[in-house]
């Protein structure tokens, strides 16, 4: 796997941007005015187990709401429970997300072989090691499940707590700026 420069290297907050803090997974994320943030139902509730009967959950969705914005699109953060005992959204067996992340990346690349996905590159997001795929008009997912994305997009996987974060975003300057604001924080719990 080739290495990329860190995606998340900005230590300064973005002036005038909104800040979202997730206490359950201990991270913050900023997004600019004119973008909308939608938070998933289990994303905030620290008293709830990570999942009741679900293996995956979109915890954060940031999208452009400005009419005519050339950088339209959505940044999604999906959480996959490493300890899940149920089948995930892509039809994978329990335990799929519990294997080491580097091994998991090879497995994901083989599952998406029909999309001609190049090997993932190693990068740093939020101070943590991450694996990044680049998709051009591809499907985020496998086994016939997932989402079709137009244009060039980044598909990133990284560990956080007892889970794997799956992040998708358009490969544009503004969405990369949003991703650069992702920071893992100390838990207040």
Protein backbone atom coordinates (compact mmCIF):
# COMPACT_ATOMS: atom_id res chain seq x y z
CA UNK A 1 0.00 0.00 0.00
CA UNK A 2 1.30 3.42 -0.87
CA UNK A 3 1.41 6.26 1.65
CA UNK A 4 -0.31 9.62 1.26
CA UNK A 5 0.32 12.84 3.14
CA UNK A 6 -2.04 13.28 6.10
CA UNK A 7 -5.53 14.39 5.12
CA UNK A 8 -6.07 15.82 8.56
CA UNK A 9 -3.24 18.16 9.45
CA UNK A 10 -5.04 21.37 10.36
CA UNK A 11 -4.80 22.11 14.08
CA UNK A 12 -6.55 25.47 13.86
CA UNK A 13 -10.34 25.64 14.03
CA UNK A 14 -12.07 27.04 10.96
CA UNK A 15 -13.34 30.53 11.78
CA UNK A 16 -17.06 30.92 11.13
CA UNK A 17 -17.64 27.18 10.72
CA UNK A 18 -20.07 25.16 12.84
CA UNK A 19 -18.64 22.49 15.16
CA UNK A 20 -20.26 19.12 15.87
CA UNK A 21 -19.03 17.10 18.85
CA UNK A 22 -19.80 13.41 19.16
CA UNK A 23 -19.36 12.26 22.76
CA UNK A 24 -20.14 8.62 21.99
CA UNK A 25 -17.23 8.15 19.58
CA UNK A 26 -15.15 11.05 20.96
CA UNK A 27 -14.61 13.24 17.92
CA UNK A 28 -15.34 16.72 16.65
CA UNK A 29 -16.01 17.77 13.07
CA UNK A 30 -16.46 21.25 11.61
CA UNK A 31 -18.51 22.21 8.56
CA UNK A 32 -19.02 25.53 6.76
CA UNK A 33 -22.11 27.72 6.64
CA UNK A 34 -24.50 26.57 3.92
CA UNK A 35 -23.88 22.90 4.76
CA UNK A 36 -26.36 20.81 6.72
CA UNK A 37 -25.46 18.28 9.41
CA UNK A 38 -27.76 15.33 10.14
CA UNK A 39 -26.98 13.07 13.10
CA UNK A 40 -28.11 9.43 13.27
CA UNK A 41 -30.42 8.27 16.08
CA UNK A 42 -27.83 6.28 18.07
CA UNK A 43 -24.90 8.61 17.39
CA UNK A 44 -25.25 10.61 20.59
CA UNK A 45 -26.79 8.33 23.20
CA UNK A 46 -23.84 7.22 25.33
CA UNK A 47 -26.15 5.26 27.65
CA UNK A 48 -27.22 2.96 24.78
CA UNK A 49 -25.05 0.03 23.76
CA UNK A 50 -23.36 0.76 20.43
CA UNK A 51 -26.01 -1.31 18.67
CA UNK A 52 -29.11 -3.13 19.71
CA UNK A 53 -29.75 -5.26 16.61
CA UNK A 54 -27.89 -3.21 14.03
CA UNK A 55 -24.34 -3.72 12.87
CA UNK A 56 -23.92 -0.44 11.02
CA UNK A 57 -25.19 3.06 11.46
CA UNK A 58 -24.74 6.34 9.62
CA UNK A 59 -23.83 8.53 12.58
CA UNK A 60 -23.07 11.77 10.74
CA UNK A 61 -24.08 13.14 7.34
CA UNK A 62 -22.82 16.55 6.15
CA UNK A 63 -24.20 17.84 2.87
CA UNK A 64 -24.14 21.00 0.82
CA UNK A 65 -27.45 22.82 0.86
CA UNK A 66 -26.42 25.86 -1.17
CA UNK A 67 -28.27 26.06 -4.52
CA UNK A 68 -25.88 25.94 -7.45
CA UNK A 69 -22.89 24.99 -5.29
CA UNK A 70 -20.27 23.44 -7.56
CA UNK A 71 -19.19 21.29 -4.63
CA UNK A 72 -22.45 19.55 -3.95
CA UNK A 73 -22.41 16.18 -2.29
CA UNK A 74 -22.38 14.42 1.04
CA UNK A 75 -19.82 13.33 3.61
CA UNK A 76 -21.05 10.26 5.51
CA UNK A 77 -19.51 8.64 8.56
CA UNK A 78 -20.75 5.09 9.08
CA UNK A 79 -19.82 3.02 12.13
CA UNK A 80 -19.32 -0.74 11.89
CA UNK A 81 -19.38 -2.61 15.19
CA UNK A 82 -16.37 -4.92 15.49
CA UNK A 83 -18.25 -7.10 18.01
CA UNK A 84 -21.48 -7.44 16.05
CA UNK A 85 -23.28 -10.75 16.12
CA UNK A 86 -25.47 -9.94 13.13
CA UNK A 87 -25.03 -9.61 9.37
CA UNK A 88 -23.99 -6.11 8.26
CA UNK A 89 -25.53 -3.79 5.65
CA UNK A 90 -23.37 -5.33 2.91
CA UNK A 91 -24.42 -8.90 3.79
CA UNK A 92 -21.15 -9.77 5.54
CA UNK A 93 -21.11 -12.38 8.29
CA UNK A 94 -20.70 -11.50 11.97
CA UNK A 95 -17.05 -10.83 12.78
CA UNK A 96 -16.26 -9.33 9.36
CA UNK A 97 -15.23 -5.98 10.89
CA UNK A 98 -13.20 -7.56 13.72
CA UNK A 99 -10.21 -8.60 11.59
CA UNK A 100 -7.13 -6.31 11.57
CA UNK A 101 -7.77 -3.19 9.49
CA UNK A 102 -4.91 -3.76 7.03
CA UNK A 103 -6.17 -7.30 6.31
CA UNK A 104 -9.71 -5.96 6.04
CA UNK A 105 -8.60 -3.48 3.34
CA UNK A 106 -7.31 -6.32 1.13
CA UNK A 107 -10.59 -8.15 1.66
CA UNK A 108 -12.64 -5.06 0.74
CA UNK A 109 -10.51 -4.54 -2.37
CA UNK A 110 -11.18 -8.13 -3.47
CA UNK A 111 -14.92 -7.79 -2.76
CA UNK A 112 -15.06 -4.69 -4.97
CA UNK A 113 -12.97 -6.16 -7.80
CA UNK A 114 -15.67 -5.44 -10.38
CA UNK A 115 -15.24 -1.72 -9.65
CA UNK A 116 -11.52 -1.87 -10.56
CA UNK A 117 -10.68 -0.32 -7.21
CA UNK A 118 -6.97 0.40 -6.83
CA UNK A 119 -5.16 -0.67 -3.67
CA UNK A 120 -5.87 1.56 -0.69
CA UNK A 121 -3.35 4.17 0.33
CA UNK A 122 -2.33 4.75 3.92
CA UNK A 123 -3.01 8.24 5.27
CA UNK A 124 -3.68 10.00 8.56
CA UNK A 125 -7.14 11.32 9.48
CA UNK A 126 -7.74 12.96 12.84
CA UNK A 127 -4.29 11.87 13.96
CA UNK A 128 -5.12 8.19 13.31
CA UNK A 129 -3.99 5.79 10.58
CA UNK A 130 -6.58 5.42 7.85
CA UNK A 131 -6.87 3.60 4.52
CA UNK A 132 -8.16 5.54 1.52
CA UNK A 133 -9.60 4.30 -1.76
CA UNK A 134 -10.42 6.64 -4.66
CA UNK A 135 -13.63 5.91 -6.57
CA UNK A 136 -14.63 7.42 -9.89
CA UNK A 137 -18.36 6.96 -10.54
CA UNK A 138 -18.31 3.79 -8.47
CA UNK A 139 -20.32 1.91 -5.89
CA UNK A 140 -19.51 2.30 -2.22
CA UNK A 141 -20.21 -1.21 -0.99
CA UNK A 142 -20.16 -4.78 -2.29
CA UNK A 143 -22.35 -7.85 -2.68
CA UNK A 144 -24.68 -5.73 -4.81
CA UNK A 145 -25.40 -3.48 -1.84
CA UNK A 146 -24.26 0.07 -1.17
CA UNK A 147 -24.59 3.46 -2.78
CA UNK A 148 -23.72 4.58 -6.31
CA UNK A 149 -21.66 7.76 -6.25
CA UNK A 150 -21.11 10.04 -9.23
CA UNK A 151 -17.83 11.84 -9.79
CA UNK A 152 -14.61 11.23 -7.91
CA UNK A 153 -15.02 10.27 -4.26
CA UNK A 154 -12.82 9.20 -1.37
CA UNK A 155 -13.70 6.07 0.61
CA UNK A 156 -11.83 5.91 3.91
CA UNK A 157 -11.66 3.29 6.68
CA UNK A 158 -10.18 3.75 10.15
CA UNK A 159 -10.51 2.42 13.69
CA UNK A 160 -12.22 4.33 16.50
CA UNK A 161 -13.06 2.80 19.86
CA UNK A 162 -14.39 -0.72 19.28
CA UNK A 163 -15.53 0.01 15.76
CA UNK A 164 -14.45 0.76 12.21
CA UNK A 165 -15.40 4.13 10.74
CA UNK A 166 -16.27 4.16 7.04
CA UNK A 167 -16.14 7.70 5.62
CA UNK A 168 -17.23 8.68 2.12
CA UNK A 169 -16.92 12.14 0.63
CA UNK A 170 -16.56 13.90 -2.72
CA UNK A 171 -12.92 14.49 -3.68
CA UNK A 172 -13.30 18.30 -3.65
CA UNK A 173 -11.45 21.04 -1.74
CA UNK A 174 -14.35 21.93 0.57
CA UNK A 175 -15.16 18.35 1.53
CA UNK A 176 -11.45 17.65 2.12
CA UNK A 177 -11.37 20.76 4.33
CA UNK A 178 -14.30 19.34 6.32
CA UNK A 179 -12.48 16.01 6.73
CA UNK A 180 -9.33 17.84 7.86
CA UNK A 181 -11.28 19.21 10.84
CA UNK A 182 -12.03 15.69 12.18
CA UNK A 183 -10.34 15.42 15.57
CA UNK A 184 -10.52 12.68 18.15
CA UNK A 185 -11.01 13.99 21.67
CA UNK A 186 -10.72 12.69 25.21
CA UNK A 187 -13.87 11.10 26.50
CA UNK A 188 -15.89 12.97 29.13
CA UNK A 189 -17.72 9.79 30.05
